[in-house]
Amino acid sequence: MKQPKQTRMCVRCRKRFQQKELLRLQSNGYSLCAFSGRGRSFYVCEECLAQPKTFQIIIKMNKLKVSEELIATIKEIWNLWQKK
């Protein structure tokens, strides 16, 4: 029997992708981080991450406070993910 492929949905565009094609993030209190393996998380596709409004949606969705540190964290996570 064939194994079903694991697909997940991008929180911004609502399109489905293979799980390995998406960046998995998690809101940890009032900050954002790469998924730690515990708790709830969400996925964002590469195309949506390239759009500036995506950061605003992520911030609003997770009730985060906008700061330079938060934006820097998102960009750092993105850069690390691209290197995989």
N, C-alpha and C. Protein backbone atom coordinates (compact mmCIF):
# COMPACT_ATOMS: atom_id res chain seq x y z
N MET A 1 0.84 -1.18 0.00
CA MET A 1 0.00 0.00 0.00
C MET A 1 0.89 1.25 0.00
N LYS A 2 0.53 2.21 -0.80
CA LYS A 2 1.32 3.43 -0.95
C LYS A 2 1.07 4.38 0.23
N GLN A 3 2.16 4.95 0.78
CA GLN A 3 2.05 5.91 1.88
C GLN A 3 1.54 7.25 1.35
N PRO A 4 0.57 7.86 2.02
CA PRO A 4 0.11 9.19 1.58
C PRO A 4 1.20 10.23 1.84
N LYS A 5 1.35 11.15 0.91
CA LYS A 5 2.36 12.19 1.08
C LYS A 5 1.87 13.19 2.12
N GLN A 6 2.79 13.65 2.95
CA GLN A 6 2.42 14.60 3.99
C GLN A 6 2.33 16.00 3.38
N THR A 7 1.12 16.54 3.36
CA THR A 7 0.94 17.89 2.84
C THR A 7 0.46 18.79 3.98
N ARG A 8 0.89 20.02 3.91
CA ARG A 8 0.51 21.02 4.89
C ARG A 8 0.08 22.28 4.15
N MET A 9 -0.64 23.15 4.84
CA MET A 9 -1.17 24.35 4.21
C MET A 9 -0.45 25.60 4.70
N CYS A 10 -0.11 26.47 3.77
CA CYS A 10 0.49 27.77 4.10
C CYS A 10 -0.59 28.64 4.75
N VAL A 11 -0.25 29.31 5.85
CA VAL A 11 -1.23 30.13 6.55
C VAL A 11 -1.64 31.38 5.77
N ARG A 12 -0.82 31.81 4.84
CA ARG A 12 -1.15 33.02 4.09
C ARG A 12 -1.94 32.73 2.82
N CYS A 13 -1.42 31.90 1.93
CA CYS A 13 -2.07 31.66 0.63
C CYS A 13 -3.05 30.48 0.66
N ARG A 14 -2.99 29.67 1.70
CA ARG A 14 -3.85 28.50 1.88
C ARG A 14 -3.65 27.41 0.83
N LYS A 15 -2.52 27.43 0.14
CA LYS A 15 -2.20 26.37 -0.81
C LYS A 15 -1.53 25.23 -0.05
N ARG A 16 -1.66 24.02 -0.59
CA ARG A 16 -1.06 22.85 0.04
C ARG A 16 0.27 22.51 -0.63
N PHE A 17 1.24 22.13 0.22
CA PHE A 17 2.59 21.80 -0.23
C PHE A 17 3.07 20.58 0.52
N GLN A 18 4.14 19.97 0.01
CA GLN A 18 4.81 18.93 0.77
C GLN A 18 5.36 19.58 2.04
N GLN A 19 5.35 18.87 3.12
CA GLN A 19 5.78 19.42 4.40
C GLN A 19 7.21 19.94 4.34
N LYS A 20 8.09 19.27 3.63
CA LYS A 20 9.49 19.68 3.57
C LYS A 20 9.71 20.96 2.76
N GLU A 21 8.71 21.40 1.99
CA GLU A 21 8.82 22.61 1.18
C GLU A 21 8.44 23.86 1.95
N LEU A 22 7.92 23.71 3.15
CA LEU A 22 7.42 24.83 3.93
C LEU A 22 8.31 25.14 5.13
N LEU A 23 8.31 26.40 5.51
CA LEU A 23 9.00 26.84 6.72
C LEU A 23 8.03 26.68 7.88
N ARG A 24 8.45 26.00 8.92
CA ARG A 24 7.59 25.75 10.08
C ARG A 24 8.01 26.68 11.21
N LEU A 25 7.08 27.50 11.66
CA LEU A 25 7.34 28.47 12.72
C LEU A 25 6.42 28.22 13.89
N GLN A 26 6.77 28.84 15.00
CA GLN A 26 5.96 28.70 16.21
C GLN A 26 6.02 30.01 16.99
N SER A 27 4.89 30.37 17.56
CA SER A 27 4.83 31.54 18.42
C SER A 27 5.11 31.07 19.84
N ASN A 28 6.11 31.69 20.45
CA ASN A 28 6.53 31.30 21.79
C ASN A 28 6.33 32.50 22.70
N GLY A 29 5.16 32.61 23.27
CA GLY A 29 4.84 33.79 24.07
C GLY A 29 4.67 34.99 23.16
N TYR A 30 5.53 35.98 23.32
CA TYR A 30 5.45 37.17 22.48
C TYR A 30 6.59 37.21 21.46
N SER A 31 7.18 36.06 21.17
CA SER A 31 8.24 36.03 20.17
C SER A 31 7.95 34.93 19.16
N LEU A 32 8.73 34.92 18.12
CA LEU A 32 8.58 33.95 17.05
C LEU A 32 9.87 33.16 16.95
N CYS A 33 9.75 31.86 16.69
CA CYS A 33 10.96 31.04 16.57
C CYS A 33 10.69 29.89 15.61
N ALA A 34 11.75 29.23 15.21
CA ALA A 34 11.60 28.01 14.41
C ALA A 34 10.96 26.96 15.31
N PHE A 35 10.26 26.03 14.73
CA PHE A 35 9.54 25.02 15.51
C PHE A 35 10.50 24.23 16.39
N SER A 36 10.18 24.13 17.68
CA SER A 36 11.05 23.49 18.65
C SER A 36 10.73 22.01 18.87
N GLY A 37 9.64 21.54 18.29
CA GLY A 37 9.27 20.14 18.48
C GLY A 37 8.13 19.96 19.45
N ARG A 38 7.77 21.01 20.16
CA ARG A 38 6.68 20.94 21.13
C ARG A 38 5.74 22.11 20.91
N GLY A 39 4.46 21.86 21.10
CA GLY A 39 3.48 22.93 20.99
C GLY A 39 2.93 23.09 19.58
N ARG A 40 2.13 24.12 19.40
CA ARG A 40 1.48 24.38 18.12
C ARG A 40 2.41 25.16 17.21
N SER A 41 2.24 24.95 15.92
CA SER A 41 3.08 25.64 14.95
C SER A 41 2.25 25.96 13.72
N PHE A 42 2.87 26.64 12.77
CA PHE A 42 2.21 26.96 11.50
C PHE A 42 3.25 26.96 10.40
N TYR A 43 2.77 26.87 9.18
CA TYR A 43 3.65 26.76 8.01
C TYR A 43 3.48 27.96 7.09
N VAL A 44 4.58 28.35 6.44
CA VAL A 44 4.57 29.44 5.46
C VAL A 44 5.39 28.97 4.26
N CYS A 45 4.85 29.22 3.06
CA CYS A 45 5.57 28.80 1.85
C CYS A 45 6.61 29.85 1.45
N GLU A 46 7.51 29.44 0.59
CA GLU A 46 8.61 30.31 0.15
C GLU A 46 8.08 31.54 -0.59
N GLU A 47 7.07 31.34 -1.42
CA GLU A 47 6.50 32.45 -2.19
C GLU A 47 5.90 33.51 -1.27
N CYS A 48 5.19 33.09 -0.26
CA CYS A 48 4.57 34.04 0.68
C CYS A 48 5.61 34.75 1.53
N LEU A 49 6.69 34.06 1.90
CA LEU A 49 7.72 34.69 2.70
C LEU A 49 8.42 35.81 1.95
N ALA A 50 8.41 35.74 0.63
CA ALA A 50 9.04 36.78 -0.17
C ALA A 50 8.19 38.05 -0.24
N GLN A 51 6.94 37.96 0.20
CA GLN A 51 6.03 39.11 0.15
C GLN A 51 6.04 39.84 1.49
N PRO A 52 6.17 41.17 1.45
CA PRO A 52 6.26 41.94 2.69
C PRO A 52 5.04 41.84 3.60
N LYS A 53 3.85 41.68 3.05
CA LYS A 53 2.65 41.62 3.88
C LYS A 53 2.57 40.36 4.74
N THR A 54 3.32 39.35 4.37
CA THR A 54 3.29 38.09 5.13
C THR A 54 3.73 38.31 6.57
N PHE A 55 4.74 39.13 6.78
CA PHE A 55 5.20 39.41 8.14
C PHE A 55 4.10 40.05 8.96
N GLN A 56 3.34 40.95 8.36
CA GLN A 56 2.24 41.60 9.07
C GLN A 56 1.17 40.59 9.44
N ILE A 57 0.89 39.66 8.54
CA ILE A 57 -0.12 38.63 8.81
C ILE A 57 0.33 37.71 9.94
N ILE A 58 1.60 37.31 9.90
CA ILE A 58 2.14 36.45 10.96
C ILE A 58 2.08 37.16 12.31
N ILE A 59 2.45 38.41 12.33
CA ILE A 59 2.44 39.20 13.56
C ILE A 59 1.02 39.33 14.10
N LYS A 60 0.07 39.63 13.23
CA LYS A 60 -1.33 39.80 13.64
C LYS A 60 -1.93 38.46 14.08
N MET A 61 -1.65 37.40 13.33
CA MET A 61 -2.20 36.08 13.62
C MET A 61 -1.76 35.59 15.00
N ASN A 62 -0.53 35.87 15.38
CA ASN A 62 0.02 35.40 16.65
C ASN A 62 -0.01 36.44 17.76
N LYS A 63 -0.63 37.58 17.48
CA LYS A 63 -0.76 38.67 18.46
C LYS A 63 0.60 39.08 19.01
N LEU A 64 1.56 39.22 18.10
CA LEU A 64 2.91 39.60 18.49
C LEU A 64 3.06 41.11 18.42
N LYS A 65 3.99 41.64 19.17
CA LYS A 65 4.29 43.06 19.13
C LYS A 65 5.37 43.30 18.09
N VAL A 66 5.11 44.24 17.19
CA VAL A 66 6.06 44.54 16.12
C VAL A 66 7.29 45.21 16.70
N SER A 67 8.44 44.68 16.33
CA SER A 67 9.70 45.27 16.76
C SER A 67 10.77 44.93 15.74
N GLU A 68 11.83 45.68 15.78
CA GLU A 68 12.96 45.40 14.88
C GLU A 68 13.54 44.03 15.19
N GLU A 69 13.53 43.66 16.46
CA GLU A 69 14.05 42.35 16.88
C GLU A 69 13.23 41.22 16.27
N LEU A 70 11.90 41.37 16.26
CA LEU A 70 11.03 40.35 15.70
C LEU A 70 11.28 40.20 14.20
N ILE A 71 11.37 41.29 13.48
CA ILE A 71 11.62 41.25 12.04
C ILE A 71 12.98 40.62 11.76
N ALA A 72 13.98 40.96 12.57
CA ALA A 72 15.31 40.37 12.41
C ALA A 72 15.26 38.86 12.67
N THR A 73 14.49 38.44 13.65
CA THR A 73 14.35 37.01 13.96
C THR A 73 13.73 36.27 12.80
N ILE A 74 12.68 36.83 12.22
CA ILE A 74 12.01 36.19 11.08
C ILE A 74 12.98 36.05 9.91
N LYS A 75 13.74 37.10 9.64
CA LYS A 75 14.69 37.06 8.53
C LYS A 75 15.81 36.06 8.80
N GLU A 76 16.25 35.97 10.04
CA GLU A 76 17.30 35.01 10.42
C GLU A 76 16.82 33.58 10.24
N ILE A 77 15.60 33.29 10.68
CA ILE A 77 15.02 31.97 10.53
C ILE A 77 14.89 31.64 9.04
N TRP A 78 14.46 32.61 8.26
CA TRP A 78 14.31 32.42 6.82
C TRP A 78 15.65 32.09 6.17
N ASN A 79 16.69 32.83 6.53
CA ASN A 79 18.02 32.58 5.95
C ASN A 79 18.55 31.20 6.32
N LEU A 80 18.35 30.79 7.56
CA LEU A 80 18.78 29.46 7.98
C LEU A 80 18.02 28.37 7.25
N TRP A 81 16.73 28.60 7.05
CA TRP A 81 15.89 27.61 6.36
C TRP A 81 16.31 27.47 4.90
N GLN A 82 16.67 28.56 4.26
CA GLN A 82 17.08 28.53 2.85
C GLN A 82 18.36 27.74 2.67
N LYS A 83 19.21 27.72 3.66
CA LYS A 83 20.49 27.01 3.56
C LYS A 83 20.35 25.50 3.67
N LYS A 84 19.18 25.01 4.11
CA LYS A 84 18.96 23.57 4.28
C LYS A 84 19.08 22.82 3.00
